[in-house]
Amino acid sequence: MNVQNVKGTQDYLPNAEVVRREITKILEPTFIQYGCKPLETPILNNQFKIKDMAFGKERFEKFMFKK
């Protein structure tokens, strides 16, 4: 079985994640101090919402499950 990340996502190894979190702890209060609001973007979207919004079932499956 070939396991891959979802396109557009990335895994961070523990050492890199520790550094990322430390940077976030430093930067986040600074941004808030200057009036910025928090923003979180979902990494993955619900495939059923995408299908219902823009595609018929056949077109959606062709789009989502390309080989």
PDB file of N, CA and C in Angstrom:
ATOM      1  N   MET A   1       0.842  -1.164   0.000  1.00  0.00           N
ATOM      2  CA  MET A   1       0.000   0.000   0.000  1.00  0.00           C
ATOM      3  C   MET A   1       0.898   1.242   0.000  1.00  0.00           C
ATOM      4  N   ASN A   2       0.579   2.166  -0.854  1.00  0.00           N
ATOM      5  CA  ASN A   2       1.328   3.410  -0.951  1.00  0.00           C
ATOM      6  C   ASN A   2       0.574   4.490  -0.168  1.00  0.00           C
ATOM      7  N   VAL A   3       1.126   4.932   0.957  1.00  0.00           N
ATOM      8  CA  VAL A   3       0.485   5.935   1.792  1.00  0.00           C
ATOM      9  C   VAL A   3       1.141   7.281   1.522  1.00  0.00           C
ATOM     10  N   GLN A   4       0.313   8.282   1.224  1.00  0.00           N
ATOM     11  CA  GLN A   4       0.815   9.625   0.954  1.00  0.00           C
ATOM     12  C   GLN A   4      -0.028  10.632   1.713  1.00  0.00           C
ATOM     13  N   ASN A   5       0.563  11.790   1.992  1.00  0.00           N
ATOM     14  CA  ASN A   5      -0.201  12.887   2.580  1.00  0.00           C
ATOM     15  C   ASN A   5      -1.221  13.382   1.567  1.00  0.00           C
ATOM     16  N   VAL A   6      -2.281  13.961   2.086  1.00  0.00           N
ATOM     17  CA  VAL A   6      -3.254  14.622   1.233  1.00  0.00           C
ATOM     18  C   VAL A   6      -2.555  15.794   0.566  1.00  0.00           C
ATOM     19  N   LYS A   7      -2.818  16.015  -0.710  1.00  0.00           N
ATOM     20  CA  LYS A   7      -2.182  17.108  -1.450  1.00  0.00           C
ATOM     21  C   LYS A   7      -2.388  18.431  -0.706  1.00  0.00           C
ATOM     22  N   GLY A   8      -1.319  19.158  -0.528  1.00  0.00           N
ATOM     23  CA  GLY A   8      -1.377  20.447   0.151  1.00  0.00           C
ATOM     24  C   GLY A   8      -1.150  20.375   1.653  1.00  0.00           C
ATOM     25  N   THR A   9      -0.896  19.180   2.191  1.00  0.00           N
ATOM     26  CA  THR A   9      -0.620  19.040   3.619  1.00  0.00           C
ATOM     27  C   THR A   9       0.813  18.585   3.828  1.00  0.00           C
ATOM     28  N   GLN A  10       1.275  18.717   5.047  1.00  0.00           N
ATOM     29  CA  GLN A  10       2.651  18.353   5.356  1.00  0.00           C
ATOM     30  C   GLN A  10       2.726  17.851   6.791  1.00  0.00           C
ATOM     31  N   ASP A  11       3.528  16.838   7.019  1.00  0.00           N
ATOM     32  CA  ASP A  11       3.798  16.365   8.371  1.00  0.00           C
ATOM     33  C   ASP A  11       5.049  17.068   8.885  1.00  0.00           C
ATOM     34  N   TYR A  12       5.064  17.356  10.180  1.00  0.00           N
ATOM     35  CA  TYR A  12       6.239  17.940  10.817  1.00  0.00           C
ATOM     36  C   TYR A  12       6.768  16.950  11.843  1.00  0.00           C
ATOM     37  N   LEU A  13       8.026  16.642  11.760  1.00  0.00           N
ATOM     38  CA  LEU A  13       8.656  15.760  12.741  1.00  0.00           C
ATOM     39  C   LEU A  13       8.722  16.484  14.088  1.00  0.00           C
ATOM     40  N   PRO A  14       8.861  15.736  15.183  1.00  0.00           N
ATOM     41  CA  PRO A  14       8.781  16.347  16.520  1.00  0.00           C
ATOM     42  C   PRO A  14       9.693  17.560  16.727  1.00  0.00           C
ATOM     43  N   ASN A  15      10.940  17.490  16.326  1.00  0.00           N
ATOM     44  CA  ASN A  15      11.852  18.630  16.548  1.00  0.00           C
ATOM     45  C   ASN A  15      11.390  19.865  15.798  1.00  0.00           C
ATOM     46  N   ALA A  16      10.936  19.695  14.570  1.00  0.00           N
ATOM     47  CA  ALA A  16      10.455  20.829  13.782  1.00  0.00           C
ATOM     48  C   ALA A  16       9.165  21.390  14.382  1.00  0.00           C
ATOM     49  N   GLU A  17       8.303  20.527  14.883  1.00  0.00           N
ATOM     50  CA  GLU A  17       7.044  20.993  15.479  1.00  0.00           C
ATOM     51  C   GLU A  17       7.295  21.771  16.764  1.00  0.00           C
ATOM     52  N   VAL A  18       8.280  21.362  17.544  1.00  0.00           N
ATOM     53  CA  VAL A  18       8.626  22.111  18.759  1.00  0.00           C
ATOM     54  C   VAL A  18       9.050  23.529  18.379  1.00  0.00           C
ATOM     55  N   VAL A  19       9.871  23.657  17.364  1.00  0.00           N
ATOM     56  CA  VAL A  19      10.317  24.982  16.910  1.00  0.00           C
ATOM     57  C   VAL A  19       9.134  25.803  16.412  1.00  0.00           C
ATOM     58  N   ARG A  20       8.252  25.188  15.625  1.00  0.00           N
ATOM     59  CA  ARG A  20       7.067  25.895  15.105  1.00  0.00           C
ATOM     60  C   ARG A  20       6.199  26.425  16.242  1.00  0.00           C
ATOM     61  N   ARG A  21       5.993  25.602  17.260  1.00  0.00           N
ATOM     62  CA  ARG A  21       5.144  26.028  18.382  1.00  0.00           C
ATOM     63  C   ARG A  21       5.794  27.142  19.186  1.00  0.00           C
ATOM     64  N   GLU A  22       7.103  27.081  19.361  1.00  0.00           N
ATOM     65  CA  GLU A  22       7.811  28.149  20.079  1.00  0.00           C
ATOM     66  C   GLU A  22       7.688  29.476  19.321  1.00  0.00           C
ATOM     67  N   ILE A  23       7.845  29.423  18.015  1.00  0.00           N
ATOM     68  CA  ILE A  23       7.711  30.631  17.193  1.00  0.00           C
ATOM     69  C   ILE A  23       6.298  31.183  17.302  1.00  0.00           C
ATOM     70  N   THR A  24       5.303  30.296  17.256  1.00  0.00           N
ATOM     71  CA  THR A  24       3.910  30.719  17.370  1.00  0.00           C
ATOM     72  C   THR A  24       3.655  31.383  18.721  1.00  0.00           C
ATOM     73  N   LYS A  25       4.219  30.815  19.798  1.00  0.00           N
ATOM     74  CA  LYS A  25       4.031  31.393  21.136  1.00  0.00           C
ATOM     75  C   LYS A  25       4.606  32.809  21.222  1.00  0.00           C
ATOM     76  N   ILE A  26       5.652  33.066  20.456  1.00  0.00           N
ATOM     77  CA  ILE A  26       6.262  34.401  20.454  1.00  0.00           C
ATOM     78  C   ILE A  26       5.464  35.358  19.570  1.00  0.00           C
ATOM     79  N   LEU A  27       5.096  34.910  18.382  1.00  0.00           N
ATOM     80  CA  LEU A  27       4.459  35.808  17.420  1.00  0.00           C
ATOM     81  C   LEU A  27       2.989  36.108  17.719  1.00  0.00           C
ATOM     82  N   GLU A  28       2.247  35.112  18.187  1.00  0.00           N
ATOM     83  CA  GLU A  28       0.805  35.304  18.367  1.00  0.00           C
ATOM     84  C   GLU A  28       0.453  36.475  19.285  1.00  0.00           C
ATOM     85  N   PRO A  29       1.059  36.597  20.473  1.00  0.00           N
ATOM     86  CA  PRO A  29       0.730  37.753  21.328  1.00  0.00           C
ATOM     87  C   PRO A  29       1.091  39.096  20.679  1.00  0.00           C
ATOM     88  N   THR A  30       2.149  39.106  19.898  1.00  0.00           N
ATOM     89  CA  THR A  30       2.554  40.336  19.218  1.00  0.00           C
ATOM     90  C   THR A  30       1.503  40.757  18.198  1.00  0.00           C
ATOM     91  N   PHE A  31       1.014  39.805  17.408  1.00  0.00           N
ATOM     92  CA  PHE A  31      -0.030  40.121  16.430  1.00  0.00           C
ATOM     93  C   PHE A  31      -1.301  40.600  17.127  1.00  0.00           C
ATOM     94  N   ILE A  32      -1.677  39.937  18.213  1.00  0.00           N
ATOM     95  CA  ILE A  32      -2.875  40.335  18.957  1.00  0.00           C
ATOM     96  C   ILE A  32      -2.705  41.732  19.535  1.00  0.00           C
ATOM     97  N   GLN A  33      -1.512  42.045  20.026  1.00  0.00           N
ATOM     98  CA  GLN A  33      -1.221  43.372  20.584  1.00  0.00           C
ATOM     99  C   GLN A  33      -1.474  44.474  19.558  1.00  0.00           C
ATOM    100  N   TYR A  34      -1.224  44.191  18.296  1.00  0.00           N
ATOM    101  CA  TYR A  34      -1.411  45.187  17.242  1.00  0.00           C
ATOM    102  C   TYR A  34      -2.766  45.069  16.547  1.00  0.00           C
ATOM    103  N   GLY A  35      -3.694  44.331  17.182  1.00  0.00           N
ATOM    104  CA  GLY A  35      -5.071  44.330  16.696  1.00  0.00           C
ATOM    105  C   GLY A  35      -5.438  43.234  15.715  1.00  0.00           C
ATOM    106  N   CYS A  36      -4.534  42.336  15.427  1.00  0.00           N
ATOM    107  CA  CYS A  36      -4.869  41.237  14.512  1.00  0.00           C
ATOM    108  C   CYS A  36      -5.762  40.231  15.226  1.00  0.00           C
ATOM    109  N   LYS A  37      -6.682  39.664  14.493  1.00  0.00           N
ATOM    110  CA  LYS A  37      -7.588  38.648  15.027  1.00  0.00           C
ATOM    111  C   LYS A  37      -7.101  37.268  14.616  1.00  0.00           C
ATOM    112  N   PRO A  38      -7.327  36.267  15.466  1.00  0.00           N
ATOM    113  CA  PRO A  38      -6.904  34.900  15.114  1.00  0.00           C
ATOM    114  C   PRO A  38      -7.666  34.377  13.889  1.00  0.00           C
ATOM    115  N   LEU A  39      -7.010  33.532  13.139  1.00  0.00           N
ATOM    116  CA  LEU A  39      -7.611  32.918  11.958  1.00  0.00           C
ATOM    117  C   LEU A  39      -7.112  31.489  11.860  1.00  0.00           C
ATOM    118  N   GLU A  40      -8.011  30.570  11.648  1.00  0.00           N
ATOM    119  CA  GLU A  40      -7.647  29.171  11.483  1.00  0.00           C
ATOM    120  C   GLU A  40      -8.308  28.679  10.199  1.00  0.00           C
ATOM    121  N   THR A  41      -7.528  28.056   9.348  1.00  0.00           N
ATOM    122  CA  THR A  41      -8.032  27.544   8.087  1.00  0.00           C
ATOM    123  C   THR A  41      -8.052  26.024   8.139  1.00  0.00           C
ATOM    124  N   PRO A  42      -9.183  25.405   7.788  1.00  0.00           N
ATOM    125  CA  PRO A  42      -9.207  23.943   7.812  1.00  0.00           C
ATOM    126  C   PRO A  42      -8.257  23.364   6.775  1.00  0.00           C
ATOM    127  N   ILE A  43      -7.595  22.289   7.160  1.00  0.00           N
ATOM    128  CA  ILE A  43      -6.667  21.643   6.246  1.00  0.00           C
ATOM    129  C   ILE A  43      -7.424  20.794   5.227  1.00  0.00           C
ATOM    130  N   LEU A  44      -8.445  20.115   5.707  1.00  0.00           N
ATOM    131  CA  LEU A  44      -9.218  19.226   4.855  1.00  0.00           C
ATOM    132  C   LEU A  44     -10.667  19.680   4.823  1.00  0.00           C
ATOM    133  N   ASN A  45     -11.293  19.560   3.684  1.00  0.00           N
ATOM    134  CA  ASN A  45     -12.699  19.898   3.550  1.00  0.00           C
ATOM    135  C   ASN A  45     -13.526  18.637   3.442  1.00  0.00           C
ATOM    136  N   ASN A  46     -14.748  18.708   3.898  1.00  0.00           N
ATOM    137  CA  ASN A  46     -15.662  17.590   3.812  1.00  0.00           C
ATOM    138  C   ASN A  46     -16.014  17.338   2.350  1.00  0.00           C
ATOM    139  N   GLN A  47     -15.700  16.145   1.855  1.00  0.00           N
ATOM    140  CA  GLN A  47     -15.932  15.840   0.447  1.00  0.00           C
ATOM    141  C   GLN A  47     -17.405  15.920   0.076  1.00  0.00           C
ATOM    142  N   PHE A  48     -18.298  15.651   1.004  1.00  0.00           N
ATOM    143  CA  PHE A  48     -19.718  15.690   0.690  1.00  0.00           C
ATOM    144  C   PHE A  48     -20.194  17.117   0.467  1.00  0.00           C
ATOM    145  N   LYS A  49     -19.640  18.057   1.212  1.00  0.00           N
ATOM    146  CA  LYS A  49     -19.990  19.458   0.987  1.00  0.00           C
ATOM    147  C   LYS A  49     -19.518  19.909  -0.388  1.00  0.00           C
ATOM    148  N   ILE A  50     -18.310  19.515  -0.753  1.00  0.00           N
ATOM    149  CA  ILE A  50     -17.781  19.879  -2.071  1.00  0.00           C
ATOM    150  C   ILE A  50     -18.664  19.282  -3.166  1.00  0.00           C
ATOM    151  N   LYS A  51     -18.990  18.017  -3.008  1.00  0.00           N
ATOM    152  CA  LYS A  51     -19.807  17.333  -4.018  1.00  0.00           C
ATOM    153  C   LYS A  51     -21.150  18.024  -4.171  1.00  0.00           C
ATOM    154  N   ASP A  52     -21.801  18.330  -3.073  1.00  0.00           N
ATOM    155  CA  ASP A  52     -23.128  18.939  -3.114  1.00  0.00           C
ATOM    156  C   ASP A  52     -23.089  20.346  -3.681  1.00  0.00           C
ATOM    157  N   MET A  53     -21.989  21.052  -3.489  1.00  0.00           N
ATOM    158  CA  MET A  53     -21.909  22.433  -3.933  1.00  0.00           C
ATOM    159  C   MET A  53     -21.721  22.560  -5.439  1.00  0.00           C
ATOM    160  N   ALA A  54     -20.866  21.749  -6.027  1.00  0.00           N
ATOM    161  CA  ALA A  54     -20.448  22.067  -7.384  1.00  0.00           C
ATOM    162  C   ALA A  54     -20.505  20.941  -8.391  1.00  0.00           C
ATOM    163  N   PHE A  55     -20.665  19.707  -7.966  1.00  0.00           N
ATOM    164  CA  PHE A  55     -20.498  18.607  -8.893  1.00  0.00           C
ATOM    165  C   PHE A  55     -21.675  17.647  -8.854  1.00  0.00           C
ATOM    166  N   GLY A  56     -21.884  16.966  -9.975  1.00  0.00           N
ATOM    167  CA  GLY A  56     -22.717  15.784  -9.957  1.00  0.00           C
ATOM    168  C   GLY A  56     -21.871  14.640  -9.431  1.00  0.00           C
ATOM    169  N   LYS A  57     -22.491  13.546  -9.039  1.00  0.00           N
ATOM    170  CA  LYS A  57     -21.760  12.451  -8.410  1.00  0.00           C
ATOM    171  C   LYS A  57     -20.637  11.923  -9.300  1.00  0.00           C
ATOM    172  N   GLU A  58     -20.908  11.675 -10.580  1.00  0.00           N
ATOM    173  CA  GLU A  58     -19.889  11.098 -11.464  1.00  0.00           C
ATOM    174  C   GLU A  58     -18.718  12.053 -11.648  1.00  0.00           C
ATOM    175  N   ARG A  59     -19.017  13.311 -11.855  1.00  0.00           N
ATOM    176  CA  ARG A  59     -17.952  14.302 -12.052  1.00  0.00           C
ATOM    177  C   ARG A  59     -17.129  14.451 -10.771  1.00  0.00           C
ATOM    178  N   PHE A  60     -17.791  14.452  -9.634  1.00  0.00           N
ATOM    179  CA  PHE A  60     -17.098  14.564  -8.350  1.00  0.00           C
ATOM    180  C   PHE A  60     -16.142  13.390  -8.151  1.00  0.00           C
ATOM    181  N   GLU A  61     -16.627  12.174  -8.393  1.00  0.00           N
ATOM    182  CA  GLU A  61     -15.784  11.002  -8.184  1.00  0.00           C
ATOM    183  C   GLU A  61     -14.592  11.003  -9.147  1.00  0.00           C
ATOM    184  N   LYS A  62     -14.818  11.431 -10.368  1.00  0.00           N
ATOM    185  CA  LYS A  62     -13.709  11.529 -11.317  1.00  0.00           C
ATOM    186  C   LYS A  62     -12.680  12.556 -10.836  1.00  0.00           C
ATOM    187  N   PHE A  63     -13.158  13.688 -10.330  1.00  0.00           N
ATOM    188  CA  PHE A  63     -12.296  14.752  -9.843  1.00  0.00           C
ATOM    189  C   PHE A  63     -11.522  14.326  -8.594  1.00  0.00           C
ATOM    190  N   MET A  64     -12.192  13.673  -7.641  1.00  0.00           N
ATOM    191  CA  MET A  64     -11.596  13.341  -6.355  1.00  0.00           C
ATOM    192  C   MET A  64     -10.694  12.101  -6.406  1.00  0.00           C
ATOM    193  N   PHE A  65     -10.996  11.180  -7.274  1.00  0.00           N
ATOM    194  CA  PHE A  65     -10.301   9.898  -7.236  1.00  0.00           C
ATOM    195  C   PHE A  65      -9.492   9.639  -8.496  1.00  0.00           C
ATOM    196  N   LYS A  66      -8.863  10.696  -9.020  1.00  0.00           N
ATOM    197  CA  LYS A  66      -8.010  10.525 -10.197  1.00  0.00           C
ATOM    198  C   LYS A  66      -6.851   9.614  -9.870  1.00  0.00           C
ATOM    199  N   LYS A  67      -6.460   8.842 -10.836  1.00  0.00           N
ATOM    200  CA  LYS A  67      -5.277   7.986 -10.653  1.00  0.00           C
ATOM    201  C   LYS A  67      -4.178   8.434 -11.565  1.00  0.00           C
TER     202      LYS A  67
END
